[in-house]
Protein backbone atom coordinates (compact mmCIF):
# COMPACT_ATOMS: atom_id res chain seq x y z
CA MET A 1 -20.81 -4.05 -122.76
CA PRO A 2 -23.82 -2.88 -120.66
CA LEU A 3 -26.09 -4.62 -123.19
CA CYS A 4 -24.03 -7.80 -122.80
CA ARG A 5 -24.60 -7.67 -119.05
CA ARG A 6 -28.33 -7.15 -119.50
CA ALA A 7 -28.39 -10.13 -121.87
CA ARG A 8 -26.50 -12.16 -119.23
CA ILE A 9 -23.53 -12.79 -121.48
CA THR A 10 -20.84 -13.86 -119.05
CA ARG A 11 -17.82 -14.55 -121.24
CA LEU A 12 -16.15 -13.73 -124.54
CA ALA A 13 -13.56 -16.36 -125.39
CA ASP A 14 -10.86 -16.14 -128.05
CA LEU A 15 -10.79 -19.62 -129.62
CA THR A 16 -8.32 -18.71 -132.37
CA GLY A 17 -5.37 -20.42 -130.70
CA LEU A 18 -7.16 -23.77 -130.36
CA ASP A 19 -6.65 -24.38 -134.08
CA ARG A 20 -3.59 -23.89 -136.24
CA VAL A 21 -5.35 -21.82 -138.93
CA GLY A 22 -5.03 -18.45 -137.18
CA LEU A 23 -8.20 -16.80 -138.54
CA PRO A 24 -10.01 -15.09 -135.62
CA VAL A 25 -12.80 -17.06 -133.93
CA VAL A 26 -14.63 -15.75 -130.86
CA GLN A 27 -17.14 -17.59 -128.69
CA VAL A 28 -19.78 -15.91 -126.52
CA ILE A 29 -21.25 -17.73 -123.51
CA ARG A 30 -24.75 -16.98 -122.20
CA PRO A 31 -25.45 -19.66 -119.57
CA ALA A 32 -29.09 -18.69 -118.98
CA ALA A 33 -30.04 -19.04 -122.66
CA LEU A 34 -33.25 -20.91 -123.45
CA SER A 35 -31.74 -22.24 -126.68
CA GLU A 36 -28.05 -22.64 -127.51
CA VAL A 37 -25.74 -21.33 -124.79
CA THR A 38 -22.80 -20.60 -127.09
CA ALA A 39 -22.44 -18.41 -130.17
CA LEU A 40 -19.50 -18.21 -132.58
CA GLY A 41 -18.20 -15.21 -134.49
CA ARG A 42 -15.58 -15.24 -137.24
CA GLY A 43 -13.88 -12.80 -139.56
CA PHE A 44 -10.56 -11.48 -140.77
CA ALA A 45 -10.10 -9.33 -137.64
CA MET A 46 -10.65 -10.06 -133.95
CA THR A 47 -13.09 -7.15 -133.57
CA GLU A 48 -15.20 -8.44 -136.46
CA ALA A 49 -15.31 -11.92 -134.93
CA ALA A 50 -16.18 -10.61 -131.45
CA VAL A 51 -19.01 -8.38 -132.71
CA GLY A 52 -20.39 -11.25 -134.79
CA ALA A 53 -20.45 -13.59 -131.81
CA ILE A 54 -22.14 -11.00 -129.59
CA MET A 55 -24.79 -10.22 -132.21
CA GLU A 56 -25.54 -13.92 -132.70
CA SER A 57 -26.04 -14.36 -128.96
CA LEU A 58 -28.20 -11.22 -128.75
CA GLU A 59 -30.49 -12.58 -131.48
CA ARG A 60 -31.60 -15.38 -129.18
CA TYR A 61 -31.75 -13.10 -126.15
CA PHE A 62 -34.24 -10.76 -127.84
CA ALA A 63 -36.25 -13.65 -129.32
CA GLU A 64 -36.58 -15.27 -125.88
CA ALA A 65 -38.08 -12.11 -124.38
CA ILE A 66 -40.95 -11.16 -126.69
CA PRO A 67 -43.59 -9.39 -124.54
CA PRO A 68 -46.84 -11.41 -124.24
CA LEU A 69 -48.81 -8.24 -125.04
CA ARG A 70 -47.45 -8.40 -128.60
CA THR A 71 -48.96 -11.84 -129.18
CA PHE A 72 -52.49 -13.17 -129.62
CA ARG A 73 -54.15 -16.56 -130.03
CA ALA A 74 -56.15 -17.57 -133.09
CA THR A 75 -56.45 -20.22 -135.78
CA ALA A 76 -55.18 -19.78 -139.32
CA GLU A 77 -58.75 -20.21 -140.53
CA GLU A 78 -59.97 -17.40 -138.26
CA LEU A 79 -57.25 -15.15 -139.69
CA ASP A 80 -58.28 -16.11 -143.24
CA LEU A 81 -54.67 -17.02 -143.95
CA ALA A 82 -53.85 -17.64 -147.63
CA ASP A 83 -53.65 -21.28 -148.68
CA GLY A 84 -50.16 -22.75 -148.40
CA LEU A 85 -48.78 -19.95 -146.24
CA PHE A 86 -46.24 -21.40 -143.75
CA ASP A 87 -47.18 -24.98 -144.75
CA ARG A 88 -43.62 -25.88 -145.82
CA LEU A 89 -42.29 -24.79 -142.42
CA LEU A 90 -44.41 -27.32 -140.54
CA GLY A 91 -42.99 -30.46 -138.97
CA ARG A 92 -43.72 -33.57 -141.01
CA GLU A 93 -46.18 -34.96 -138.48
CA CYS A 94 -48.10 -31.68 -138.07
CA ARG A 95 -49.38 -30.97 -141.57
CA GLU A 96 -52.90 -32.29 -141.08
CA ASN A 97 -55.52 -29.74 -140.02
CA TRP A 98 -53.00 -27.34 -138.49
CA ARG A 99 -55.06 -24.39 -139.71
CA ARG A 100 -57.80 -25.33 -137.23
CA ARG A 101 -55.52 -25.31 -134.19
CA GLU A 102 -55.48 -22.25 -131.97
CA ILE A 103 -51.88 -21.10 -131.58
CA PRO A 104 -50.03 -17.90 -130.59
CA TRP A 105 -49.33 -15.36 -133.34
CA ILE A 106 -47.33 -12.15 -133.67
CA VAL A 107 -47.74 -9.41 -136.27
CA GLY A 108 -45.03 -8.73 -138.84
CA ILE A 109 -44.89 -6.64 -142.00
CA ASP A 110 -45.20 -7.94 -145.56
CA ILE A 111 -42.21 -6.13 -147.06
CA ALA A 112 -43.64 -6.06 -150.59
CA THR A 113 -46.99 -4.51 -149.65
CA GLY A 114 -46.29 -2.84 -146.32
CA HIS A 115 -49.37 -4.52 -144.86
CA PRO A 116 -49.49 -6.25 -141.45
CA GLN A 117 -49.09 -10.03 -141.66
CA PRO A 118 -49.66 -12.42 -138.74
CA VAL A 119 -46.88 -14.97 -138.24
CA PRO A 120 -46.99 -18.03 -135.95
CA LEU A 121 -45.07 -17.09 -132.82
CA GLU A 122 -43.25 -20.41 -132.96
CA LEU A 123 -41.48 -19.19 -136.12
CA VAL A 124 -40.20 -16.11 -134.29
CA HIS A 125 -39.31 -16.92 -130.66
CA THR A 126 -36.35 -18.96 -129.38
CA CYS A 127 -37.74 -20.32 -126.10
CA TYR A 128 -36.55 -23.82 -126.93
CA THR A 129 -37.44 -25.35 -123.58
CA GLU A 130 -38.67 -28.83 -122.67
CA PRO A 131 -41.59 -29.01 -122.31
CA PRO A 132 -42.09 -26.42 -125.05
CA PRO A 133 -44.19 -23.28 -124.53
CA ALA A 134 -47.96 -23.62 -124.88
CA GLY A 135 -48.95 -23.64 -128.53
CA ASP A 136 -45.59 -24.87 -129.83
CA GLY A 137 -44.97 -28.16 -131.60
CA LEU A 138 -46.25 -27.46 -135.12
CA PHE A 139 -43.20 -25.92 -136.80
CA VAL A 140 -39.54 -26.87 -137.21
CA ARG A 141 -37.44 -25.20 -134.51
CA THR A 142 -34.82 -23.01 -136.13
CA THR A 143 -33.20 -19.60 -135.83
CA THR A 144 -33.28 -19.12 -139.61
CA GLY A 145 -33.84 -15.47 -140.51
CA LEU A 146 -33.07 -14.14 -137.03
CA ALA A 147 -30.51 -11.34 -137.04
CA CYS A 148 -29.19 -8.41 -135.00
CA HIS A 149 -27.56 -5.32 -136.43
CA MET A 150 -27.11 -1.64 -135.72
CA ASP A 151 -30.08 -0.83 -137.96
CA ALA A 152 -33.26 -2.74 -138.80
CA CYS A 153 -32.67 -2.75 -142.57
CA SER A 154 -29.28 -4.45 -142.24
CA ALA A 155 -30.73 -7.00 -139.81
CA PHE A 156 -33.54 -7.70 -142.27
CA LEU A 157 -31.15 -8.18 -145.20
CA HIS A 158 -28.96 -10.51 -143.12
CA GLY A 159 -32.07 -12.53 -142.33
CA VAL A 160 -33.21 -12.69 -145.96
CA PHE A 161 -29.87 -14.08 -147.12
CA GLU A 162 -29.96 -16.68 -144.34
CA CYS A 163 -33.48 -17.77 -145.32
CA ILE A 164 -32.39 -18.12 -148.95
CA GLU A 165 -29.33 -20.11 -147.86
CA ARG A 166 -31.33 -22.57 -145.75
CA ASP A 167 -33.95 -23.06 -148.47
CA ALA A 168 -31.25 -23.78 -151.07
CA ILE A 169 -29.38 -26.19 -148.79
CA ALA A 170 -32.63 -28.02 -147.97
CA ARG A 171 -33.18 -28.44 -151.70
CA ALA A 172 -29.60 -29.64 -152.12
CA PHE A 173 -30.12 -32.35 -149.49
CA ALA A 174 -33.15 -33.54 -151.43
CA THR A 175 -31.37 -33.50 -154.82
CA HIS A 176 -30.07 -36.84 -156.08
CA GLY A 177 -26.49 -36.53 -157.30
CA PHE A 178 -26.03 -33.03 -155.89
CA PHE A 179 -22.36 -33.53 -155.00
CA ASP A 180 -21.59 -35.08 -158.37
CA ARG A 181 -23.10 -32.30 -160.48
CA THR A 182 -22.67 -29.01 -158.64
CA ARG A 183 -19.07 -28.89 -157.43
CA ILE A 184 -17.25 -25.72 -158.46
CA ALA A 185 -13.57 -24.85 -158.70
CA SER A 186 -12.18 -22.86 -155.79
CA THR A 187 -9.92 -20.76 -158.03
CA GLY A 188 -10.82 -17.47 -159.66
CA LEU A 189 -13.49 -16.56 -157.10
CA GLY A 190 -11.76 -13.51 -155.66
CA ALA A 191 -8.85 -12.32 -153.57
CA ARG A 192 -10.48 -13.06 -150.20
CA VAL A 193 -11.25 -16.64 -151.23
CA ASP A 194 -7.66 -17.10 -152.41
CA HIS A 195 -6.36 -15.73 -149.09
CA ILE A 196 -8.45 -18.09 -146.96
CA GLN A 197 -7.52 -21.05 -149.10
CA SER A 198 -3.79 -20.29 -148.95
CA VAL A 199 -3.87 -19.88 -145.15
CA ALA A 200 -5.76 -23.16 -144.74
CA ALA A 201 -3.57 -25.04 -147.23
CA ALA A 202 -0.47 -24.03 -145.27
CA CYS A 203 -2.06 -25.78 -142.28
CA GLY A 204 -2.89 -28.96 -144.19
CA ILE A 205 -6.61 -28.21 -144.59
CA SER A 206 -8.35 -28.85 -147.91
CA PHE A 207 -11.59 -27.30 -149.17
CA ALA A 208 -14.33 -28.33 -151.55
CA LEU A 209 -17.12 -26.03 -152.75
CA TRP A 210 -20.55 -26.74 -154.20
CA HIS A 211 -23.00 -24.29 -155.72
CA ALA A 212 -26.46 -24.89 -154.23
CA PRO A 213 -28.92 -23.48 -156.77
CA SER A 214 -31.54 -21.17 -155.28
CA PRO A 215 -34.82 -20.59 -157.14
CA ALA A 216 -34.34 -16.93 -156.20
CA GLY A 217 -31.19 -16.75 -158.33
CA ILE A 218 -29.02 -15.78 -155.34
CA PRO A 219 -25.52 -17.31 -155.00
CA VAL A 220 -25.47 -20.02 -152.30
CA ILE A 221 -22.33 -22.01 -151.46
CA TRP A 222 -21.84 -25.24 -149.50
CA CYS A 223 -18.26 -25.65 -148.24
CA GLN A 224 -16.59 -28.69 -146.66
CA THR A 225 -13.12 -28.93 -145.13
CA ILE A 226 -10.94 -31.71 -143.85
CA GLU A 227 -7.34 -32.02 -142.66
CA THR A 228 -5.19 -33.77 -145.24
CA GLY A 229 -1.70 -32.80 -144.14
CA PRO A 230 0.90 -35.13 -142.62
CA GLY A 231 0.87 -35.99 -138.93
CA GLU A 232 -1.91 -36.27 -136.37
CA PRO A 233 -4.90 -34.05 -137.19
CA ILE A 234 -6.09 -31.51 -134.64
CA LEU A 235 -9.67 -32.32 -135.66
CA ALA A 236 -10.21 -35.59 -137.49
CA LEU A 237 -13.80 -34.88 -138.52
CA PRO A 238 -14.79 -32.75 -141.51
CA THR A 239 -16.52 -29.42 -140.97
CA GLU A 240 -18.86 -27.52 -143.24
CA GLY A 241 -20.35 -24.11 -143.79
CA TYR A 242 -23.20 -22.71 -145.86
CA ALA A 243 -23.84 -19.16 -147.00
CA ALA A 244 -25.82 -17.00 -149.40
CA GLY A 245 -24.50 -13.64 -150.47
CA PRO A 246 -24.85 -10.79 -152.95
CA SER A 247 -22.03 -12.31 -155.04
CA ILE A 248 -20.38 -15.68 -155.47
CA GLU A 249 -17.25 -14.36 -153.74
CA ALA A 250 -19.19 -13.04 -150.73
CA ALA A 251 -21.11 -16.30 -150.33
CA THR A 252 -17.93 -18.38 -150.66
CA VAL A 253 -16.01 -16.31 -148.12
CA SER A 254 -18.82 -16.63 -145.57
CA ALA A 255 -19.16 -20.38 -146.12
CA MET A 256 -15.40 -20.94 -145.82
CA LEU A 257 -15.13 -18.88 -142.63
CA GLU A 258 -18.09 -20.73 -141.13
CA ALA A 259 -16.49 -24.10 -141.91
CA LEU A 260 -13.19 -23.02 -140.36
CA SER A 261 -14.81 -21.51 -137.27
CA ALA A 262 -16.75 -24.75 -136.77
CA ARG A 263 -13.37 -26.44 -136.27
CA ALA A 264 -12.48 -24.18 -133.35
CA GLY A 265 -15.97 -24.55 -131.88
CA ALA A 266 -15.72 -28.34 -131.99
CA ILE A 267 -12.19 -28.37 -130.57
CA SER A 268 -13.32 -26.16 -127.66
CA GLY A 269 -15.84 -28.82 -126.60
CA ALA A 270 -18.35 -26.17 -125.52
CA ARG A 271 -21.36 -27.47 -127.45
CA ASP A 272 -23.37 -30.10 -125.61
CA ASP A 273 -24.59 -31.64 -128.89
CA GLN A 274 -21.03 -32.41 -130.05
CA THR A 275 -19.67 -35.03 -127.65
CA ARG A 276 -16.87 -37.59 -127.72
CA ALA A 277 -19.48 -40.28 -128.39
CA HIS A 278 -20.79 -38.26 -131.36
CA TYR A 279 -17.32 -38.09 -132.90
CA LYS A 280 -16.47 -41.72 -132.19
CA ARG A 281 -19.72 -42.95 -133.67
CA SER A 282 -19.39 -41.12 -136.96
CA ILE A 283 -15.71 -40.54 -137.53
CA ASP A 284 -14.78 -43.41 -139.84
CA ALA A 285 -17.65 -43.06 -142.29
CA ALA A 286 -17.63 -39.26 -142.23
CA VAL A 287 -13.90 -38.93 -142.80
CA ALA A 288 -13.86 -41.50 -145.58
CA LYS A 289 -16.81 -39.88 -147.36
CA THR A 290 -15.47 -36.35 -147.08
CA ARG A 291 -11.98 -37.34 -148.18
CA ARG A 292 -13.51 -38.87 -151.28
CA LEU A 293 -15.65 -35.80 -151.93
CA ILE A 294 -12.82 -33.32 -151.43
CA LEU A 295 -9.79 -35.17 -152.78
CA GLU A 296 -10.97 -37.83 -155.21
CA ASP A 297 -13.85 -36.20 -157.06
CA GLY A 298 -11.72 -33.61 -158.82
CA PRO A 299 -11.35 -29.85 -158.46
CA GLY A 300 -14.79 -28.96 -159.83
CA ARG A 301 -15.92 -26.92 -162.80
CA PRO A 302 -15.32 -23.19 -163.26
CA VAL A 303 -18.13 -20.98 -162.02
CA ASP A 304 -20.72 -20.18 -164.68
CA ALA A 305 -21.32 -16.43 -164.71
CA ALA A 306 -25.04 -17.11 -165.13
CA LEU A 307 -25.04 -18.93 -161.79
CA SER A 308 -23.38 -16.09 -159.91
CA PRO A 309 -25.18 -12.81 -160.56
CA VAL A 310 -24.24 -9.88 -158.37
CA ILE A 311 -27.24 -8.65 -156.36
CA ALA A 312 -26.93 -4.89 -156.64
CA ASP A 313 -29.64 -3.69 -154.26
CA PRO A 314 -32.39 -4.84 -151.84
CA VAL A 315 -35.09 -4.41 -154.48
CA SER A 316 -33.37 -6.92 -156.78
CA LEU A 317 -33.04 -9.30 -153.84
CA LEU A 318 -36.72 -8.99 -152.94
CA ASN A 319 -37.83 -9.41 -156.56
CA GLY A 320 -35.79 -12.59 -156.87
CA VAL A 321 -37.37 -14.09 -153.76
CA LEU A 322 -40.91 -13.19 -154.81
CA SER A 323 -40.49 -14.38 -158.41
CA ALA A 324 -39.26 -17.73 -157.06
CA GLY A 325 -42.50 -18.20 -155.13
CA LEU A 326 -40.79 -18.19 -151.72
CA GLY A 327 -42.72 -15.20 -150.38
CA PRO A 328 -44.34 -13.30 -148.98
CA VAL A 329 -41.26 -11.86 -147.29
CA ILE A 330 -42.25 -10.99 -143.74
CA ALA A 331 -40.20 -9.00 -141.23
CA VAL A 332 -40.98 -9.12 -137.51
CA GLN A 333 -39.40 -6.49 -135.26
CA VAL A 334 -38.34 -8.78 -132.42
CA GLY A 335 -36.62 -6.30 -130.14
CA HIS A 336 -34.24 -3.37 -129.83
CA ASP A 337 -31.94 -1.70 -127.34
CA LEU A 338 -32.39 2.04 -126.92
CA GLU A 339 -28.96 2.65 -125.41
CA THR A 340 -26.88 0.97 -128.11
CA GLY A 341 -29.28 1.11 -131.06
CA VAL A 342 -29.05 -2.65 -131.69
CA GLN A 343 -32.05 -3.93 -133.66
CA CYS A 344 -33.28 -7.53 -133.83
CA VAL A 345 -35.44 -8.68 -136.75
CA ARG A 346 -36.81 -12.10 -137.67
CA THR A 347 -37.30 -12.53 -141.41
CA VAL A 348 -39.66 -15.27 -142.58
CA LEU A 349 -40.02 -16.51 -146.15
CA ALA A 350 -43.48 -17.98 -145.84
CA ARG A 351 -43.12 -20.57 -148.62
CA ALA A 352 -39.44 -21.49 -148.24
CA LEU A 353 -38.18 -24.90 -147.15
CA PRO A 354 -36.87 -25.28 -143.58
CA PHE A 355 -33.43 -26.64 -142.85
CA SER A 356 -31.89 -27.61 -139.54
CA VAL A 357 -28.86 -29.79 -138.91
CA VAL A 358 -26.45 -30.53 -136.07
CA ARG A 359 -22.88 -30.02 -137.29
């Protein structure tokens, strides 16, 4: 808790009782944040959910406080940056001549070679203020790849999976007929998936799952939920979750828990980007579309074993990313806390696609 005080976390809220599902959801509030003030944690136990919410909030805390002495200004041309590096992460209107612009950089490590690799600071920090910090404005703002853990390796691996997830979901959004061709059955995926589905079904909540193919060969799942039971719904809008994982079961569990926790987050009303006007504007079309996707388009096909390999170790994970052309894989040590041992790492896949959406 001393670290929470230093990070100016003022409240941990148990949101579980706001929804009828009963799976633990915890919200952390950090009012002085320079990005999102709230963070959600979920899991099968309250402790797991609370730790997850705290770690998510700490990610942004560390990434807001990168010491200026760790950064330097230069152009990509001056650094002799390889062609195409970071180009896919640029905003659409910023792709012309960006390599000639002087911007802030920070040094990370190319995991495959162990060599230092400069990374645009805008891809690492979370000072999402208006006006933005000097030198910002080229890249898509996102916390993709940012993770806290009790050791740097675990934080890095968490970040890698998140980068793979966002790249795969970005590709899914750009794929014509994605929902028609990639839906998978929600049965036979594992005991934890069955448990979540049975708990949700008892509360009148239906799921649909889609496999989002990753060029890295890592399982990525897109999950959507909607209330379909009798009576007035607690939350009329659909929710969704995305996740990559070392197995199809792990990815599905994470995506399902994210979709369910998004319900409690929306019901709480704590996010300033999810207002009554937002719901009123989109409710009819969104509900109709999701009902069709979940209920009318069938249960989906069984999972093809070739689409769901189990990633046995970090080396296999890294090789998959590099062979897919998403690398280099760069890790930036963002911050750490000596007292608790918490480590914060930002992982960047330099040739992955960015993805950012307001749920």
